C-alpha atoms as a PDB file:
ATOM      1  CA  MET A   1     -46.571   3.056  14.908  1.00  0.00           C
ATOM      2  CA  ASN A   2     -48.042   1.267  11.919  1.00  0.00           C
ATOM      3  CA  SER A   3     -49.031   4.828  10.468  1.00  0.00           C
ATOM      4  CA  TYR A   4     -45.638   6.072  11.130  1.00  0.00           C
ATOM      5  CA  VAL A   5     -44.134   3.211   9.620  1.00  0.00           C
ATOM      6  CA  ARG A   6     -46.529   3.514   6.474  1.00  0.00           C
ATOM      7  CA  ARG A   7     -45.627   7.188   6.181  1.00  0.00           C
ATOM      8  CA  VAL A   8     -41.881   6.696   6.093  1.00  0.00           C
ATOM      9  CA  CYS A   9     -42.050   3.729   3.746  1.00  0.00           C
ATOM     10  CA  THR A  10     -44.243   5.867   1.286  1.00  0.00           C
ATOM     11  CA  VAL A  11     -41.989   8.672   1.074  1.00  0.00           C
ATOM     12  CA  ALA A  12     -38.707   6.547   0.840  1.00  0.00           C
ATOM     13  CA  ALA A  13     -40.275   4.502  -1.974  1.00  0.00           C
ATOM     14  CA  GLY A  14     -41.274   7.748  -3.942  1.00  0.00           C
ATOM     15  CA  ALA A  15     -37.830   9.118  -3.483  1.00  0.00           C
ATOM     16  CA  LEU A  16     -36.447   5.800  -4.805  1.00  0.00           C
ATOM     17  CA  ALA A  17     -38.403   5.175  -7.804  1.00  0.00           C
ATOM     18  CA  LEU A  18     -37.610   8.993  -8.861  1.00  0.00           C
ATOM     19  CA  THR A  19     -33.951   8.357  -8.262  1.00  0.00           C
ATOM     20  CA  VAL A  20     -33.904   5.222 -10.197  1.00  0.00           C
ATOM     21  CA  GLY A  21     -36.270   6.815 -12.913  1.00  0.00           C
ATOM     22  CA  LEU A  22     -33.524   9.714 -13.299  1.00  0.00           C
ATOM     23  CA  ALA A  23     -30.706   7.347 -13.033  1.00  0.00           C
ATOM     24  CA  VAL A  24     -31.511   4.531 -15.539  1.00  0.00           C
ATOM     25  CA  PRO A  25     -31.837   6.323 -18.880  1.00  0.00           C
ATOM     26  CA  ALA A  26     -28.277   7.464 -18.479  1.00  0.00           C
ATOM     27  CA  PHE A  27     -26.756   4.049 -18.597  1.00  0.00           C
ATOM     28  CA  ALA A  28     -28.834   3.273 -21.745  1.00  0.00           C
ATOM     29  CA  HIS A  29     -26.459   5.008 -24.100  1.00  0.00           C
ATOM     30  CA  VAL A  30     -23.795   3.581 -26.017  1.00  0.00           C
ATOM     31  CA  THR A  31     -20.528   3.797 -23.807  1.00  0.00           C
ATOM     32  CA  VAL A  32     -16.786   2.840 -23.722  1.00  0.00           C
ATOM     33  CA  ASN A  33     -15.153   1.231 -20.608  1.00  0.00           C
ATOM     34  CA  PRO A  34     -12.856   1.885 -19.270  1.00  0.00           C
ATOM     35  CA  GLY A  35     -13.684   5.737 -19.133  1.00  0.00           C
ATOM     36  CA  THR A  36     -10.355   6.796 -18.237  1.00  0.00           C
ATOM     37  CA  ALA A  37      -6.772   5.536 -19.519  1.00  0.00           C
ATOM     38  CA  VAL A  38      -3.131   6.798 -19.159  1.00  0.00           C
ATOM     39  CA  GLN A  39      -1.556   8.755 -21.736  1.00  0.00           C
ATOM     40  CA  GLY A  40       1.174   7.003 -24.014  1.00  0.00           C
ATOM     41  CA  SER A  41      -0.229   3.631 -22.706  1.00  0.00           C
ATOM     42  CA  TRP A  42      -2.237   0.599 -24.174  1.00  0.00           C
ATOM     43  CA  THR A  43      -5.357  -0.180 -23.325  1.00  0.00           C
ATOM     44  CA  LYS A  44      -8.512  -2.563 -24.006  1.00  0.00           C
ATOM     45  CA  LEU A  45     -11.627  -0.410 -25.192  1.00  0.00           C
ATOM     46  CA  THR A  46     -15.102  -2.175 -24.422  1.00  0.00           C
ATOM     47  CA  PHE A  47     -18.021  -0.558 -26.400  1.00  0.00           C
ATOM     48  CA  ARG A  48     -21.411  -1.447 -24.690  1.00  0.00           C
ATOM     49  CA  VAL A  49     -24.197  -1.266 -26.797  1.00  0.00           C
ATOM     50  CA  PRO A  50     -27.896  -1.544 -25.426  1.00  0.00           C
ATOM     51  CA  ASN A  51     -30.932  -2.144 -27.595  1.00  0.00           C
ATOM     52  CA  GLU A  52     -33.122   0.642 -26.918  1.00  0.00           C
ATOM     53  CA  ARG A  53     -36.035  -0.228 -29.182  1.00  0.00           C
ATOM     54  CA  ASP A  54     -39.101  -2.723 -28.263  1.00  0.00           C
ATOM     55  CA  ASN A  55     -39.922  -3.429 -31.784  1.00  0.00           C
ATOM     56  CA  ALA A  56     -36.465  -3.808 -33.441  1.00  0.00           C
ATOM     57  CA  SER A  57     -32.970  -5.416 -32.892  1.00  0.00           C
ATOM     58  CA  THR A  58     -29.769  -3.744 -33.390  1.00  0.00           C
ATOM     59  CA  THR A  59     -27.816  -5.399 -36.632  1.00  0.00           C
ATOM     60  CA  LYS A  60     -24.773  -3.300 -37.070  1.00  0.00           C
ATOM     61  CA  VAL A  61     -22.481  -1.260 -35.008  1.00  0.00           C
ATOM     62  CA  GLU A  62     -20.123   1.116 -36.554  1.00  0.00           C
ATOM     63  CA  VAL A  63     -17.434   2.941 -34.134  1.00  0.00           C
ATOM     64  CA  GLU A  64     -15.441   5.836 -35.771  1.00  0.00           C
ATOM     65  CA  PHE A  65     -11.867   6.187 -34.704  1.00  0.00           C
ATOM     66  CA  PRO A  66     -10.389   9.544 -33.995  1.00  0.00           C
ATOM     67  CA  THR A  67      -8.482  10.986 -37.105  1.00  0.00           C
ATOM     68  CA  ASP A  68      -6.957  14.065 -35.412  1.00  0.00           C
ATOM     69  CA  HIS A  69      -5.179  11.774 -32.939  1.00  0.00           C
ATOM     70  CA  PRO A  70      -5.074   8.473 -34.888  1.00  0.00           C
ATOM     71  CA  LEU A  71      -4.235   5.295 -32.814  1.00  0.00           C
ATOM     72  CA  PRO A  72      -1.466   3.524 -34.603  1.00  0.00           C
ATOM     73  CA  PHE A  73      -2.178  -0.148 -33.535  1.00  0.00           C
ATOM     74  CA  VAL A  74      -5.896  -1.485 -33.116  1.00  0.00           C
ATOM     75  CA  SER A  75      -6.948  -5.144 -32.892  1.00  0.00           C
ATOM     76  CA  VAL A  76     -10.201  -6.812 -32.349  1.00  0.00           C
ATOM     77  CA  ARG A  77     -11.680  -9.720 -30.417  1.00  0.00           C
ATOM     78  CA  PRO A  78     -14.137 -11.964 -32.154  1.00  0.00           C
ATOM     79  CA  VAL A  79     -17.610 -11.726 -31.103  1.00  0.00           C
ATOM     80  CA  PRO A  80     -19.407 -15.028 -31.687  1.00  0.00           C
ATOM     81  CA  GLY A  81     -22.430 -14.414 -34.274  1.00  0.00           C
ATOM     82  CA  TRP A  82     -20.850 -10.832 -35.568  1.00  0.00           C
ATOM     83  CA  ASP A  83     -18.757 -10.230 -38.497  1.00  0.00           C
ATOM     84  CA  VAL A  84     -16.064  -7.370 -37.906  1.00  0.00           C
ATOM     85  CA  LYS A  85     -14.208  -5.155 -40.172  1.00  0.00           C
ATOM     86  CA  LEU A  86     -11.302  -2.752 -39.799  1.00  0.00           C
ATOM     87  CA  THR A  87     -11.744   0.077 -42.295  1.00  0.00           C
ATOM     88  CA  ARG A  88      -8.187   1.612 -42.775  1.00  0.00           C
ATOM     89  CA  GLY A  89      -7.652   4.727 -45.259  1.00  0.00           C
ATOM     90  CA  LYS A  90      -6.272   8.053 -45.449  1.00  0.00           C
ATOM     91  CA  LEU A  91      -6.239  10.837 -42.728  1.00  0.00           C
ATOM     92  CA  PRO A  92      -8.057  13.996 -43.651  1.00  0.00           C
ATOM     93  CA  LYS A  93      -4.545  15.641 -43.004  1.00  0.00           C
ATOM     94  CA  PRO A  94      -1.269  14.122 -42.013  1.00  0.00           C
ATOM     95  CA  VAL A  95      -0.859  13.762 -38.379  1.00  0.00           C
ATOM     96  CA  VAL A  96       2.541  14.084 -36.285  1.00  0.00           C
ATOM     97  CA  SER A  97       2.702  11.410 -33.755  1.00  0.00           C
ATOM     98  CA  ASP A  98       4.475  11.718 -30.193  1.00  0.00           C
ATOM     99  CA  ASP A  99       7.410  10.103 -31.609  1.00  0.00           C
ATOM    100  CA  GLY A 100       7.594  12.646 -34.386  1.00  0.00           C
ATOM    101  CA  ASP A 101       6.793  10.281 -37.129  1.00  0.00           C
ATOM    102  CA  THR A 102       4.392  11.670 -40.005  1.00  0.00           C
ATOM    103  CA  ILE A 103       0.955   9.361 -40.106  1.00  0.00           C
ATOM    104  CA  THR A 104      -1.127   9.709 -43.327  1.00  0.00           C
ATOM    105  CA  GLU A 105      -3.205   6.324 -42.934  1.00  0.00           C
ATOM    106  CA  SER A 106      -4.938   5.004 -39.818  1.00  0.00           C
ATOM    107  CA  VAL A 107      -7.783   2.773 -38.711  1.00  0.00           C
ATOM    108  CA  LEU A 108     -10.981   5.167 -39.568  1.00  0.00           C
ATOM    109  CA  LYS A 109     -13.779   2.774 -38.030  1.00  0.00           C
ATOM    110  CA  ILE A 110     -14.651  -0.847 -36.845  1.00  0.00           C
ATOM    111  CA  THR A 111     -17.974  -2.376 -38.158  1.00  0.00           C
ATOM    112  CA  TRP A 112     -19.720  -5.194 -36.575  1.00  0.00           C
ATOM    113  CA  SER A 113     -22.646  -6.749 -38.310  1.00  0.00           C
ATOM    114  CA  GLY A 114     -24.680  -9.794 -39.106  1.00  0.00           C
ATOM    115  CA  GLY A 115     -25.607 -10.430 -35.428  1.00  0.00           C
ATOM    116  CA  LYS A 116     -28.459  -9.231 -33.273  1.00  0.00           C
ATOM    117  CA  ILE A 117     -28.935  -7.391 -29.956  1.00  0.00           C
ATOM    118  CA  GLU A 118     -32.514  -8.214 -29.122  1.00  0.00           C
ATOM    119  CA  ALA A 119     -34.862  -5.776 -27.212  1.00  0.00           C
ATOM    120  CA  GLY A 120     -33.864  -5.546 -23.493  1.00  0.00           C
ATOM    121  CA  GLN A 121     -30.310  -6.869 -24.580  1.00  0.00           C
ATOM    122  CA  PHE A 122     -27.084  -5.402 -24.667  1.00  0.00           C
ATOM    123  CA  GLN A 123     -23.545  -6.584 -26.468  1.00  0.00           C
ATOM    124  CA  GLU A 124     -19.868  -5.749 -25.777  1.00  0.00           C
ATOM    125  CA  PHE A 125     -17.443  -5.105 -28.451  1.00  0.00           C
ATOM    126  CA  GLU A 126     -13.727  -5.029 -27.547  1.00  0.00           C
ATOM    127  CA  ALA A 127     -10.767  -3.384 -29.209  1.00  0.00           C
ATOM    128  CA  SER A 128      -7.142  -3.478 -28.017  1.00  0.00           C
ATOM    129  CA  VAL A 129      -5.610   0.125 -28.909  1.00  0.00           C
ATOM    130  CA  GLY A 130      -2.299   1.779 -28.294  1.00  0.00           C
ATOM    131  CA  PRO A 131      -0.125   3.696 -27.729  1.00  0.00           C
ATOM    132  CA  LEU A 132      -2.643   6.512 -26.909  1.00  0.00           C
ATOM    133  CA  PRO A 133      -1.647  10.088 -27.609  1.00  0.00           C
ATOM    134  CA  LYS A 134       0.397  12.116 -24.942  1.00  0.00           C
ATOM    135  CA  ASN A 135      -0.888  15.790 -25.804  1.00  0.00           C
ATOM    136  CA  VAL A 136      -4.681  15.434 -25.567  1.00  0.00           C
ATOM    137  CA  ASP A 137      -7.086  14.568 -22.603  1.00  0.00           C
ATOM    138  CA  THR A 138     -10.113  13.273 -24.421  1.00  0.00           C
ATOM    139  CA  LEU A 139     -10.799  10.792 -27.115  1.00  0.00           C
ATOM    140  CA  LEU A 140     -14.085  10.510 -28.927  1.00  0.00           C
ATOM    141  CA  PHE A 141     -15.618   7.536 -30.852  1.00  0.00           C
ATOM    142  CA  PRO A 142     -18.840   8.581 -32.635  1.00  0.00           C
ATOM    143  CA  THR A 143     -20.751   5.209 -33.000  1.00  0.00           C
ATOM    144  CA  VAL A 144     -23.723   4.649 -35.505  1.00  0.00           C
ATOM    145  CA  GLN A 145     -26.270   2.013 -34.339  1.00  0.00           C
ATOM    146  CA  THR A 146     -28.477   0.523 -37.113  1.00  0.00           C
ATOM    147  CA  TYR A 147     -31.872  -1.438 -36.329  1.00  0.00           C
ATOM    148  CA  SER A 148     -33.535  -4.160 -38.055  1.00  0.00           C
ATOM    149  CA  ASN A 149     -36.395  -1.427 -39.072  1.00  0.00           C
ATOM    150  CA  ASP A 150     -33.502   0.577 -40.968  1.00  0.00           C
ATOM    151  CA  GLU A 151     -33.798   3.054 -38.208  1.00  0.00           C
ATOM    152  CA  VAL A 152     -30.176   4.608 -37.695  1.00  0.00           C
ATOM    153  CA  VAL A 153     -29.034   6.212 -34.182  1.00  0.00           C
ATOM    154  CA  THR A 154     -25.731   8.135 -34.150  1.00  0.00           C
ATOM    155  CA  TRP A 155     -24.227   8.631 -30.859  1.00  0.00           C
ATOM    156  CA  GLY A 156     -21.820  11.558 -31.873  1.00  0.00           C
ATOM    157  CA  ASP A 157     -22.292  14.432 -29.649  1.00  0.00           C
ATOM    158  CA  ALA A 158     -19.362  15.938 -27.732  1.00  0.00           C
ATOM    159  CA  PRO A 159     -19.706  16.574 -23.936  1.00  0.00           C
ATOM    160  CA  LYS A 160     -21.086  20.103 -23.493  1.00  0.00           C
ATOM    161  CA  ALA A 161     -19.047  22.857 -22.004  1.00  0.00           C
ATOM    162  CA  ASP A 162     -21.650  23.188 -18.966  1.00  0.00           C
ATOM    163  CA  GLY A 163     -21.046  19.804 -18.174  1.00  0.00           C
ATOM    164  CA  SER A 164     -24.801  18.589 -18.868  1.00  0.00           C
ATOM    165  CA  GLU A 165     -25.191  15.659 -20.968  1.00  0.00           C
ATOM    166  CA  PRO A 166     -26.180  15.881 -24.595  1.00  0.00           C
ATOM    167  CA  GLU A 167     -28.959  13.921 -26.381  1.00  0.00           C
ATOM    168  CA  HIS A 168     -26.771  11.499 -28.147  1.00  0.00           C
ATOM    169  CA  PRO A 169     -23.427  11.639 -26.291  1.00  0.00           C
ATOM    170  CA  ALA A 170     -20.462  10.127 -28.164  1.00  0.00           C
ATOM    171  CA  PRO A 171     -18.427   7.435 -26.258  1.00  0.00           C
ATOM    172  CA  THR A 172     -15.583   9.376 -24.630  1.00  0.00           C
ATOM    173  CA  LEU A 173     -12.379   8.260 -23.147  1.00  0.00           C
ATOM    174  CA  LYS A 174     -10.432  10.536 -21.048  1.00  0.00           C
ATOM    175  CA  LEU A 175      -6.783  10.580 -20.799  1.00  0.00           C
ATOM    176  CA  VAL A 176      -4.639  11.349 -17.894  1.00  0.00           C
ATOM    177  CA  ALA A 177      -0.896  11.815 -17.556  1.00  0.00           C
ATOM    178  CA  ALA A 178       1.223   9.201 -16.225  1.00  0.00           C
ATOM    179  CA  GLU A 179       3.312   9.524 -13.188  1.00  0.00           C
ATOM    180  CA  GLU A 180       6.939   9.671 -13.558  1.00  0.00           C
ATOM    181  CA  GLY A 181       8.695   6.452 -13.286  1.00  0.00           C
ATOM    182  CA  ASN A 182       5.405   4.187 -14.033  1.00  0.00           C
ATOM    183  CA  ASP A 183       5.280   2.018 -17.055  1.00  0.00           C
ATOM    184  CA  GLN A 184       3.098   3.182 -19.629  1.00  0.00           C
ATOM    185  CA  HIS A 185       2.752   0.107 -21.735  1.00  0.00           C
ATOM    186  CA  GLY A 186       0.250  -1.446 -19.382  1.00  0.00           C
ATOM    187  CA  ALA A 187      -3.069  -0.394 -17.818  1.00  0.00           C
ATOM    188  CA  ALA A 188      -3.625   2.597 -15.931  1.00  0.00           C
ATOM    189  CA  PRO A 189      -1.550   2.190 -12.765  1.00  0.00           C
ATOM    190  CA  ALA A 190      -3.654   2.097  -9.658  1.00  0.00           C
ATOM    191  CA  SER A 191      -1.664   5.083  -8.040  1.00  0.00           C
ATOM    192  CA  THR A 192      -2.255   7.263 -10.820  1.00  0.00           C
ATOM    193  CA  SER A 193      -5.616   8.765  -9.182  1.00  0.00           C
ATOM    194  CA  ALA A 194      -9.090   7.405  -8.192  1.00  0.00           C
ATOM    195  CA  ALA A 195     -10.486   7.764 -11.532  1.00  0.00           C
ATOM    196  CA  PRO A 196      -8.168   5.152 -13.265  1.00  0.00           C
ATOM    197  CA  THR A 197      -8.268   2.952 -10.495  1.00  0.00           C
ATOM    198  CA  VAL A 198     -12.052   2.484 -10.723  1.00  0.00           C
ATOM    199  CA  ALA A 199     -12.091   2.455 -14.681  1.00  0.00           C
ATOM    200  CA  ALA A 200      -9.316  -0.381 -14.223  1.00  0.00           C
ATOM    201  CA  ALA A 201     -11.807  -2.406 -11.843  1.00  0.00           C
ATOM    202  CA  ALA A 202     -14.570  -2.102 -13.870  1.00  0.00           C
ATOM    203  CA  GLY A 203     -12.613  -3.664 -16.895  1.00  0.00           C
ATOM    204  CA  ASP A 204     -11.857  -6.829 -14.721  1.00  0.00           C
ATOM    205  CA  ASP A 205     -15.261  -7.125 -14.242  1.00  0.00           C
ATOM    206  CA  ASN A 206     -15.706  -7.281 -17.865  1.00  0.00           C
ATOM    207  CA  ASP A 207     -13.052  -9.940 -18.372  1.00  0.00           C
ATOM    208  CA  HIS A 208     -14.143 -12.131 -15.689  1.00  0.00           C
ATOM    209  CA  GLU A 209     -17.773 -12.070 -15.372  1.00  0.00           C
ATOM    210  CA  GLY A 210     -19.054 -10.768 -18.776  1.00  0.00           C
ATOM    211  CA  GLY A 211     -20.209  -7.530 -17.386  1.00  0.00           C
ATOM    212  CA  ASN A 212     -19.880  -4.143 -15.564  1.00  0.00           C
ATOM    213  CA  THR A 213     -21.630  -4.159 -12.253  1.00  0.00           C
ATOM    214  CA  THR A 214     -20.987  -0.421 -11.848  1.00  0.00           C
ATOM    215  CA  PRO A 215     -24.245   0.636 -12.757  1.00  0.00           C
ATOM    216  CA  ALA A 216     -25.793  -1.673 -10.409  1.00  0.00           C
ATOM    217  CA  LEU A 217     -23.669  -0.524  -7.499  1.00  0.00           C
ATOM    218  CA  VAL A 218     -24.343   3.308  -8.421  1.00  0.00           C
ATOM    219  CA  LEU A 219     -27.969   2.526  -8.566  1.00  0.00           C
ATOM    220  CA  GLY A 220     -27.918   0.755  -5.136  1.00  0.00           C
ATOM    221  CA  GLY A 221     -26.171   3.397  -3.615  1.00  0.00           C
ATOM    222  CA  LEU A 222     -28.514   5.934  -4.793  1.00  0.00           C
ATOM    223  CA  GLY A 223     -31.340   3.973  -3.801  1.00  0.00           C
ATOM    224  CA  LEU A 224     -29.695   3.869  -0.381  1.00  0.00           C
ATOM    225  CA  VAL A 225     -29.372   7.668  -0.182  1.00  0.00           C
ATOM    226  CA  ALA A 226     -32.763   7.988  -1.575  1.00  0.00           C
ATOM    227  CA  GLY A 227     -34.246   5.796   1.140  1.00  0.00           C
ATOM    228  CA  LEU A 228     -32.550   7.789   4.053  1.00  0.00           C
ATOM    229  CA  VAL A 229     -33.696  10.995   2.503  1.00  0.00           C
ATOM    230  CA  GLY A 230     -37.334   9.694   2.421  1.00  0.00           C
ATOM    231  CA  ALA A 231     -36.847   8.306   5.956  1.00  0.00           C
ATOM    232  CA  GLY A 232     -35.766  11.705   7.180  1.00  0.00           C
ATOM    233  CA  ALA A 233     -38.868  13.632   5.544  1.00  0.00           C
ATOM    234  CA  GLY A 234     -41.215  11.011   6.833  1.00  0.00           C
ATOM    235  CA  LEU A 235     -39.786  11.813  10.440  1.00  0.00           C
ATOM    236  CA  THR A 236     -40.266  15.558   9.601  1.00  0.00           C
ATOM    237  CA  ALA A 237     -43.557  15.088   8.464  1.00  0.00           C
ATOM    238  CA  LEU A 238     -44.730  13.020  11.416  1.00  0.00           C
ATOM    239  CA  ARG A 239     -43.085  15.669  14.016  1.00  0.00           C
ATOM    240  CA  ARG A 240     -44.878  18.585  12.456  1.00  0.00           C
ATOM    241  CA  SER A 241     -48.333  16.596  12.410  1.00  0.00           C
ATOM    242  CA  ARG A 242     -47.850  15.688  16.056  1.00  0.00           C
ATOM    243  CA  GLY A 243     -46.968  19.550  16.854  1.00  0.00           C
END
């Protein structure tokens, strides 16, 4: 019995370590939360920036805003220890809004500087934006991360057509259509779909507890699955050895 238990635990532990090892890097990128919002609505965007270097701290974060689908109104929440600057300017070419207005200027980027994100830490930077466009299903927010050793990392790669993750993915906000009769001036309604509901819940976590627990829940679920798979493999191996 002891040999059986050890064998099952070894297999399960190996599977769990492999699963966690594969999953953790995906959460190390600069991301935007929520990942989904309703077209035509207002929403709060939280840009989560982890420090991926052991020998340097992050000292500046620049988030570029879309110019092909500009956001008319942008405001930021102060972050203690950081200076923030909204850069407004002319768009590469005029854009006609959903209301038929011609837009020639908009917010081009937001820059946070003067603070530090040390090794092993992350920081969240928030902006309220709206109304979101109704004629597009994805908005990209390319982000430039500068370290204290002058290293610059650009998170600006668009999603790949095959669904695989690029090396430096840009923070991406997916937009979904609002259901008829729903108010579009607030957050994504719970009845829209499963994706907006999860996104809204993640936003609530950020508001009340200062962090998003979704990665931890995902890792926990993956670990449980890996453990079950490892246990099954251990049973199979034991039966074969006895046969």
